[in-house]
Amino acid sequence: MTTPLHRLFTHHPDSVGESYGQHFGVACGYGLRLMAAGACAIVHAVLPFCFEKTASTMVRRMVADMDRRASPPAPAARSESTGAAVTAP
């Protein structure tokens, strides 16, 4: 039986298919990358010739990673004649 306190720490990680430890690592990784992107953006604000696309590139990559993690993998298409998996070209 889980306690209300335990559920506070495990409900969301469970909902995204991760343990608390896995979720902690992923969330910390995103947080650190966001801080790095923010630091690059601040340096760019002062020195516009530095980090011209770094922050936006970092954020786009994180969004793509989050989208990929949120979407379940597409099931493989099956050949009607053989039933074998068919890969996309």
C-alpha atoms as a PDB file:
ATOM      1  CA  MET A   1       0.000   0.000   0.000  1.00  0.00           C
ATOM      2  CA  THR A   2       1.355   3.408  -0.907  1.00  0.00           C
ATOM      3  CA  THR A   3       1.093   6.463   1.263  1.00  0.00           C
ATOM      4  CA  PRO A   4      -0.082   9.878   0.051  1.00  0.00           C
ATOM      5  CA  LEU A   5       3.493  11.139   0.414  1.00  0.00           C
ATOM      6  CA  HIS A   6       4.816   8.275  -1.733  1.00  0.00           C
ATOM      7  CA  ARG A   7       2.201   9.032  -4.402  1.00  0.00           C
ATOM      8  CA  LEU A   8       3.346  12.672  -4.527  1.00  0.00           C
ATOM      9  CA  PHE A   9       6.757  11.472  -5.680  1.00  0.00           C
ATOM     10  CA  THR A  10       5.693   8.624  -7.952  1.00  0.00           C
ATOM     11  CA  HIS A  11       2.389   9.549  -9.621  1.00  0.00           C
ATOM     12  CA  HIS A  12       3.825  11.686 -12.425  1.00  0.00           C
ATOM     13  CA  PRO A  13       6.907   9.515 -13.111  1.00  0.00           C
ATOM     14  CA  ASP A  14       4.612   6.464 -13.262  1.00  0.00           C
ATOM     15  CA  SER A  15       2.322   8.306 -15.698  1.00  0.00           C
ATOM     16  CA  VAL A  16       5.194   8.768 -18.155  1.00  0.00           C
ATOM     17  CA  GLY A  17       6.522   5.234 -17.718  1.00  0.00           C
ATOM     18  CA  GLU A  18       9.546   6.073 -15.577  1.00  0.00           C
ATOM     19  CA  SER A  19      10.716   5.294 -12.077  1.00  0.00           C
ATOM     20  CA  TYR A  20      11.351   8.191  -9.706  1.00  0.00           C
ATOM     21  CA  GLY A  21      15.106   7.858 -10.292  1.00  0.00           C
ATOM     22  CA  GLN A  22      14.757   7.773 -14.082  1.00  0.00           C
ATOM     23  CA  HIS A  23      12.465  10.796 -14.031  1.00  0.00           C
ATOM     24  CA  PHE A  24      14.846  12.628 -11.703  1.00  0.00           C
ATOM     25  CA  GLY A  25      17.722  12.078 -14.134  1.00  0.00           C
ATOM     26  CA  VAL A  26      15.752  13.130 -17.207  1.00  0.00           C
ATOM     27  CA  ALA A  27      14.296  16.225 -15.527  1.00  0.00           C
ATOM     28  CA  CYS A  28      17.696  17.276 -14.140  1.00  0.00           C
ATOM     29  CA  GLY A  29      19.214  16.831 -17.587  1.00  0.00           C
ATOM     30  CA  TYR A  30      16.604  19.099 -19.142  1.00  0.00           C
ATOM     31  CA  GLY A  31      17.050  21.619 -16.338  1.00  0.00           C
ATOM     32  CA  LEU A  32      20.809  21.761 -16.781  1.00  0.00           C
ATOM     33  CA  ARG A  33      20.477  22.128 -20.550  1.00  0.00           C
ATOM     34  CA  LEU A  34      17.935  24.932 -20.061  1.00  0.00           C
ATOM     35  CA  MET A  35      20.327  26.737 -17.717  1.00  0.00           C
ATOM     36  CA  ALA A  36      23.138  26.364 -20.258  1.00  0.00           C
ATOM     37  CA  ALA A  37      20.877  27.679 -23.034  1.00  0.00           C
ATOM     38  CA  GLY A  38      19.874  30.586 -20.794  1.00  0.00           C
ATOM     39  CA  ALA A  39      23.507  31.421 -20.067  1.00  0.00           C
ATOM     40  CA  CYS A  40      24.275  31.387 -23.805  1.00  0.00           C
ATOM     41  CA  ALA A  41      21.311  33.695 -24.458  1.00  0.00           C
ATOM     42  CA  ILE A  42      22.507  36.154 -21.786  1.00  0.00           C
ATOM     43  CA  VAL A  43      26.037  36.185 -23.208  1.00  0.00           C
ATOM     44  CA  HIS A  44      24.545  36.661 -26.680  1.00  0.00           C
ATOM     45  CA  ALA A  45      22.508  39.629 -25.405  1.00  0.00           C
ATOM     46  CA  VAL A  46      25.706  41.376 -24.317  1.00  0.00           C
ATOM     47  CA  LEU A  47      27.946  40.103 -27.103  1.00  0.00           C
ATOM     48  CA  PRO A  48      25.693  39.544 -30.138  1.00  0.00           C
ATOM     49  CA  PHE A  49      28.487  37.928 -32.131  1.00  0.00           C
ATOM     50  CA  CYS A  50      28.724  35.055 -29.593  1.00  0.00           C
ATOM     51  CA  PHE A  51      26.346  32.096 -29.465  1.00  0.00           C
ATOM     52  CA  GLU A  52      24.247  33.427 -32.352  1.00  0.00           C
ATOM     53  CA  LYS A  53      22.131  30.278 -32.662  1.00  0.00           C
ATOM     54  CA  THR A  54      23.262  28.186 -29.712  1.00  0.00           C
ATOM     55  CA  ALA A  55      20.351  28.759 -27.304  1.00  0.00           C
ATOM     56  CA  SER A  56      17.639  28.331 -29.930  1.00  0.00           C
ATOM     57  CA  THR A  57      19.327  25.193 -31.293  1.00  0.00           C
ATOM     58  CA  MET A  58      19.565  23.708 -27.790  1.00  0.00           C
ATOM     59  CA  VAL A  59      15.897  24.414 -27.084  1.00  0.00           C
ATOM     60  CA  ARG A  60      14.766  22.985 -30.444  1.00  0.00           C
ATOM     61  CA  ARG A  61      16.728  19.792 -29.774  1.00  0.00           C
ATOM     62  CA  MET A  62      15.177  19.475 -26.323  1.00  0.00           C
ATOM     63  CA  VAL A  63      11.673  19.957 -27.720  1.00  0.00           C
ATOM     64  CA  ALA A  64      12.337  17.314 -30.382  1.00  0.00           C
ATOM     65  CA  ASP A  65      13.638  14.965 -27.681  1.00  0.00           C
ATOM     66  CA  MET A  66      10.584  15.607 -25.478  1.00  0.00           C
ATOM     67  CA  ASP A  67       8.224  15.056 -28.415  1.00  0.00           C
ATOM     68  CA  ARG A  68       9.993  11.801 -29.312  1.00  0.00           C
ATOM     69  CA  ARG A  69       9.818  10.579 -25.707  1.00  0.00           C
ATOM     70  CA  ALA A  70       6.106  11.474 -25.446  1.00  0.00           C
ATOM     71  CA  SER A  71       5.100   9.670 -28.635  1.00  0.00           C
ATOM     72  CA  PRO A  72       4.892   5.891 -28.529  1.00  0.00           C
ATOM     73  CA  PRO A  73       6.771   4.188 -31.365  1.00  0.00           C
ATOM     74  CA  ALA A  74       4.633   3.551 -34.421  1.00  0.00           C
ATOM     75  CA  PRO A  75       3.773  -0.102 -34.950  1.00  0.00           C
ATOM     76  CA  ALA A  76       5.528  -1.714 -37.884  1.00  0.00           C
ATOM     77  CA  ALA A  77       3.408  -2.067 -40.999  1.00  0.00           C
ATOM     78  CA  ARG A  78       2.708  -5.666 -41.993  1.00  0.00           C
ATOM     79  CA  SER A  79       2.779  -7.071 -45.490  1.00  0.00           C
ATOM     80  CA  GLU A  80      -0.700  -8.304 -46.427  1.00  0.00           C
ATOM     81  CA  SER A  81       0.674 -11.328 -48.268  1.00  0.00           C
ATOM     82  CA  THR A  82       3.332 -12.549 -45.810  1.00  0.00           C
ATOM     83  CA  GLY A  83       2.449 -10.873 -42.518  1.00  0.00           C
ATOM     84  CA  ALA A  84       6.100  -9.835 -42.190  1.00  0.00           C
ATOM     85  CA  ALA A  85       7.076  -6.393 -40.914  1.00  0.00           C
ATOM     86  CA  VAL A  86       7.655  -3.855 -43.669  1.00  0.00           C
ATOM     87  CA  THR A  87      10.123  -1.021 -43.186  1.00  0.00           C
ATOM     88  CA  ALA A  88       9.493   2.416 -44.593  1.00  0.00           C
ATOM     89  CA  PRO A  89      11.829   3.551 -47.387  1.00  0.00           C
END
